[in-house]
Amino acid sequence: MKRLVFAILLATLAVPATFAGMYDQPYAIVESGDTSDVRKEARLSISKVDGESTRNPRKTDPIAPGKHRLTLHFESARGVFRPEYQEVEIDLDACTRYRIVANYEAKTGPDWKPKVYSESIGECVKKFRKKEATPG
């Protein structure tokens, strides 16, 4: 009986180490940016990251830093835009949020191109910069 209790306790303690969280290491996030008529920008969808479909087309799960291929989708009721899908390769930095928008010349189409804005993720920077500075 004691062995069974010990085995269950050991298995319970090992589970958290097996399933490390998405935020346990430096990460980047890619989001759909906001619409701006002044800058001629519109919201788009993030369809895939490295060929894998995203759970949410507005925001990715945390992504490891490095080069990644994103598939973006843009359509509008105002006009026909081509192509509907575009792939872009972005070298993501650690602790950075990227906002991507569709930049167009005319509201009715037909051309658009992705435009990327970036900013630091404060909580990520705070969490991981301290660990890098700690000796040992």
C-alpha atoms as a PDB file:
ATOM      1  CA  MET A   1       0.000   0.000   0.000  1.00  0.00           C
ATOM      2  CA  LYS A   2       2.833   2.375   0.885  1.00  0.00           C
ATOM      3  CA  ARG A   3       4.446   1.682  -2.508  1.00  0.00           C
ATOM      4  CA  LEU A   4       1.212   2.548  -4.307  1.00  0.00           C
ATOM      5  CA  VAL A   5       0.862   5.832  -2.409  1.00  0.00           C
ATOM      6  CA  PHE A   6       4.516   6.638  -3.089  1.00  0.00           C
ATOM      7  CA  ALA A   7       4.102   5.876  -6.822  1.00  0.00           C
ATOM      8  CA  ILE A   8       1.019   8.085  -7.067  1.00  0.00           C
ATOM      9  CA  LEU A   9       2.785  10.910  -5.220  1.00  0.00           C
ATOM     10  CA  LEU A  10       5.832  10.597  -7.471  1.00  0.00           C
ATOM     11  CA  ALA A  11       3.683  10.607 -10.621  1.00  0.00           C
ATOM     12  CA  THR A  12       1.791  13.684  -9.392  1.00  0.00           C
ATOM     13  CA  LEU A  13       5.009  15.595  -8.791  1.00  0.00           C
ATOM     14  CA  ALA A  14       6.443  14.631 -12.210  1.00  0.00           C
ATOM     15  CA  VAL A  15       3.438  15.889 -14.233  1.00  0.00           C
ATOM     16  CA  PRO A  16       4.175  19.659 -13.978  1.00  0.00           C
ATOM     17  CA  ALA A  17       7.744  19.118 -15.218  1.00  0.00           C
ATOM     18  CA  THR A  18       6.454  17.134 -18.187  1.00  0.00           C
ATOM     19  CA  PHE A  19       4.019  19.823 -19.303  1.00  0.00           C
ATOM     20  CA  ALA A  20       6.036  23.030 -19.187  1.00  0.00           C
ATOM     21  CA  GLY A  21       3.899  26.084 -19.834  1.00  0.00           C
ATOM     22  CA  MET A  22       3.968  28.192 -22.999  1.00  0.00           C
ATOM     23  CA  TYR A  23       5.268  31.155 -21.017  1.00  0.00           C
ATOM     24  CA  ASP A  24       8.172  29.325 -19.312  1.00  0.00           C
ATOM     25  CA  GLN A  25      10.757  30.525 -21.842  1.00  0.00           C
ATOM     26  CA  PRO A  26      11.231  33.702 -23.905  1.00  0.00           C
ATOM     27  CA  TYR A  27       8.508  34.020 -26.544  1.00  0.00           C
ATOM     28  CA  ALA A  28       6.992  36.220 -29.234  1.00  0.00           C
ATOM     29  CA  ILE A  29       3.328  36.815 -30.074  1.00  0.00           C
ATOM     30  CA  VAL A  30       1.873  37.785 -33.449  1.00  0.00           C
ATOM     31  CA  GLU A  31      -1.471  39.611 -33.511  1.00  0.00           C
ATOM     32  CA  SER A  32      -3.734  41.195 -36.063  1.00  0.00           C
ATOM     33  CA  GLY A  33      -3.363  44.973 -35.834  1.00  0.00           C
ATOM     34  CA  ASP A  34      -6.097  47.601 -35.747  1.00  0.00           C
ATOM     35  CA  THR A  35      -7.899  49.211 -38.673  1.00  0.00           C
ATOM     36  CA  SER A  36      -6.853  52.761 -39.629  1.00  0.00           C
ATOM     37  CA  ASP A  37      -8.428  54.610 -42.558  1.00  0.00           C
ATOM     38  CA  VAL A  38      -5.808  57.364 -42.228  1.00  0.00           C
ATOM     39  CA  ARG A  39      -2.890  54.930 -42.653  1.00  0.00           C
ATOM     40  CA  LYS A  40      -4.901  52.815 -45.161  1.00  0.00           C
ATOM     41  CA  GLU A  41      -4.648  49.724 -42.967  1.00  0.00           C
ATOM     42  CA  ALA A  42      -7.145  46.984 -42.226  1.00  0.00           C
ATOM     43  CA  ARG A  43      -7.356  44.002 -39.904  1.00  0.00           C
ATOM     44  CA  LEU A  44      -6.314  40.649 -41.340  1.00  0.00           C
ATOM     45  CA  SER A  45      -6.322  37.026 -40.181  1.00  0.00           C
ATOM     46  CA  ILE A  46      -3.321  34.922 -39.216  1.00  0.00           C
ATOM     47  CA  SER A  47      -4.179  31.553 -40.775  1.00  0.00           C
ATOM     48  CA  LYS A  48      -1.041  29.498 -40.194  1.00  0.00           C
ATOM     49  CA  VAL A  49       2.323  29.570 -38.463  1.00  0.00           C
ATOM     50  CA  ASP A  50       4.930  27.285 -40.037  1.00  0.00           C
ATOM     51  CA  GLY A  51       2.181  25.409 -41.891  1.00  0.00           C
ATOM     52  CA  GLU A  52       0.107  24.720 -38.754  1.00  0.00           C
ATOM     53  CA  SER A  53      -3.334  26.335 -38.398  1.00  0.00           C
ATOM     54  CA  THR A  54      -3.732  28.803 -35.542  1.00  0.00           C
ATOM     55  CA  ARG A  55      -6.372  28.341 -32.847  1.00  0.00           C
ATOM     56  CA  ASN A  56      -7.308  32.013 -33.027  1.00  0.00           C
ATOM     57  CA  PRO A  57      -7.021  33.960 -36.313  1.00  0.00           C
ATOM     58  CA  ARG A  58      -6.515  37.240 -34.414  1.00  0.00           C
ATOM     59  CA  LYS A  59      -3.609  36.169 -32.194  1.00  0.00           C
ATOM     60  CA  THR A  60      -1.100  33.332 -32.106  1.00  0.00           C
ATOM     61  CA  ASP A  61      -0.110  31.302 -29.109  1.00  0.00           C
ATOM     62  CA  PRO A  62       3.381  32.174 -27.811  1.00  0.00           C
ATOM     63  CA  ILE A  63       5.986  31.341 -30.460  1.00  0.00           C
ATOM     64  CA  ALA A  64       9.662  30.559 -29.925  1.00  0.00           C
ATOM     65  CA  PRO A  65      12.003  33.274 -31.226  1.00  0.00           C
ATOM     66  CA  GLY A  66      13.550  32.729 -34.667  1.00  0.00           C
ATOM     67  CA  LYS A  67      12.438  32.617 -38.294  1.00  0.00           C
ATOM     68  CA  HIS A  68       8.836  31.604 -38.902  1.00  0.00           C
ATOM     69  CA  ARG A  69       6.585  31.507 -41.963  1.00  0.00           C
ATOM     70  CA  LEU A  70       3.137  33.068 -41.454  1.00  0.00           C
ATOM     71  CA  THR A  71       0.169  32.676 -43.777  1.00  0.00           C
ATOM     72  CA  LEU A  72      -1.993  35.802 -43.733  1.00  0.00           C
ATOM     73  CA  HIS A  73      -5.533  36.167 -45.073  1.00  0.00           C
ATOM     74  CA  PHE A  74      -7.244  39.419 -46.056  1.00  0.00           C
ATOM     75  CA  GLU A  75     -10.657  40.051 -47.549  1.00  0.00           C
ATOM     76  CA  SER A  76     -13.047  42.987 -47.387  1.00  0.00           C
ATOM     77  CA  ALA A  77     -16.682  43.658 -48.174  1.00  0.00           C
ATOM     78  CA  ARG A  78     -15.591  46.967 -49.726  1.00  0.00           C
ATOM     79  CA  GLY A  79     -13.851  45.369 -52.682  1.00  0.00           C
ATOM     80  CA  VAL A  80     -11.977  42.410 -54.103  1.00  0.00           C
ATOM     81  CA  PHE A  81      -8.401  42.097 -52.896  1.00  0.00           C
ATOM     82  CA  ARG A  82      -5.871  39.746 -54.444  1.00  0.00           C
ATOM     83  CA  PRO A  83      -4.240  37.618 -53.403  1.00  0.00           C
ATOM     84  CA  GLU A  84      -6.480  36.589 -50.521  1.00  0.00           C
ATOM     85  CA  TYR A  85      -3.577  34.757 -48.861  1.00  0.00           C
ATOM     86  CA  GLN A  86       0.049  35.818 -48.555  1.00  0.00           C
ATOM     87  CA  GLU A  87       2.982  34.116 -46.879  1.00  0.00           C
ATOM     88  CA  VAL A  88       5.611  36.151 -45.073  1.00  0.00           C
ATOM     89  CA  GLU A  89       8.737  35.053 -43.275  1.00  0.00           C
ATOM     90  CA  ILE A  90       9.521  36.973 -40.104  1.00  0.00           C
ATOM     91  CA  ASP A  91      12.509  36.629 -37.794  1.00  0.00           C
ATOM     92  CA  LEU A  92      10.783  36.923 -34.408  1.00  0.00           C
ATOM     93  CA  ASP A  93      12.717  38.401 -31.495  1.00  0.00           C
ATOM     94  CA  ALA A  94      12.251  37.179 -27.925  1.00  0.00           C
ATOM     95  CA  CYS A  95       9.803  39.107 -25.743  1.00  0.00           C
ATOM     96  CA  THR A  96       8.308  40.981 -28.696  1.00  0.00           C
ATOM     97  CA  ARG A  97       4.697  41.442 -29.813  1.00  0.00           C
ATOM     98  CA  TYR A  98       4.176  41.833 -33.546  1.00  0.00           C
ATOM     99  CA  ARG A  99       1.037  43.434 -34.956  1.00  0.00           C
ATOM    100  CA  ILE A 100       0.374  42.829 -38.653  1.00  0.00           C
ATOM    101  CA  VAL A 101      -2.101  44.758 -40.787  1.00  0.00           C
ATOM    102  CA  ALA A 102      -3.104  44.753 -44.448  1.00  0.00           C
ATOM    103  CA  ASN A 103      -1.864  47.962 -46.077  1.00  0.00           C
ATOM    104  CA  TYR A 104      -3.813  48.951 -49.211  1.00  0.00           C
ATOM    105  CA  GLU A 105      -3.724  51.732 -51.813  1.00  0.00           C
ATOM    106  CA  ALA A 106      -7.493  51.927 -52.378  1.00  0.00           C
ATOM    107  CA  LYS A 107     -10.373  50.744 -50.150  1.00  0.00           C
ATOM    108  CA  THR A 108     -11.875  48.831 -53.071  1.00  0.00           C
ATOM    109  CA  GLY A 109      -8.714  46.889 -53.916  1.00  0.00           C
ATOM    110  CA  PRO A 110      -7.183  45.099 -55.631  1.00  0.00           C
ATOM    111  CA  ASP A 111      -3.694  45.132 -54.023  1.00  0.00           C
ATOM    112  CA  TRP A 112      -2.549  44.839 -50.437  1.00  0.00           C
ATOM    113  CA  LYS A 113       0.653  44.042 -48.611  1.00  0.00           C
ATOM    114  CA  PRO A 114       1.359  43.139 -44.992  1.00  0.00           C
ATOM    115  CA  LYS A 115       2.822  45.782 -42.704  1.00  0.00           C
ATOM    116  CA  VAL A 116       4.415  44.779 -39.394  1.00  0.00           C
ATOM    117  CA  TYR A 117       4.645  46.804 -36.187  1.00  0.00           C
ATOM    118  CA  SER A 118       6.532  45.557 -33.125  1.00  0.00           C
ATOM    119  CA  GLU A 119       6.754  46.362 -29.420  1.00  0.00           C
ATOM    120  CA  SER A 120       8.271  44.794 -26.318  1.00  0.00           C
ATOM    121  CA  ILE A 121       6.233  42.538 -24.054  1.00  0.00           C
ATOM    122  CA  GLY A 122       7.029  44.064 -20.650  1.00  0.00           C
ATOM    123  CA  GLU A 123       6.245  41.065 -18.463  1.00  0.00           C
ATOM    124  CA  CYS A 124       8.378  38.786 -20.670  1.00  0.00           C
ATOM    125  CA  VAL A 125      11.314  41.205 -20.639  1.00  0.00           C
ATOM    126  CA  LYS A 126      11.088  41.578 -16.877  1.00  0.00           C
ATOM    127  CA  LYS A 127      10.849  37.827 -16.275  1.00  0.00           C
ATOM    128  CA  PHE A 128      13.645  36.664 -18.565  1.00  0.00           C
ATOM    129  CA  ARG A 129      16.144  39.544 -18.422  1.00  0.00           C
ATOM    130  CA  LYS A 130      16.461  39.043 -14.666  1.00  0.00           C
ATOM    131  CA  LYS A 131      17.233  35.331 -15.134  1.00  0.00           C
ATOM    132  CA  GLU A 132      19.938  36.109 -17.725  1.00  0.00           C
ATOM    133  CA  ALA A 133      21.610  38.590 -15.349  1.00  0.00           C
ATOM    134  CA  THR A 134      21.627  36.124 -12.429  1.00  0.00           C
ATOM    135  CA  PRO A 135      24.950  34.255 -12.146  1.00  0.00           C
ATOM    136  CA  GLY A 136      24.880  30.630 -12.346  1.00  0.00           C
END
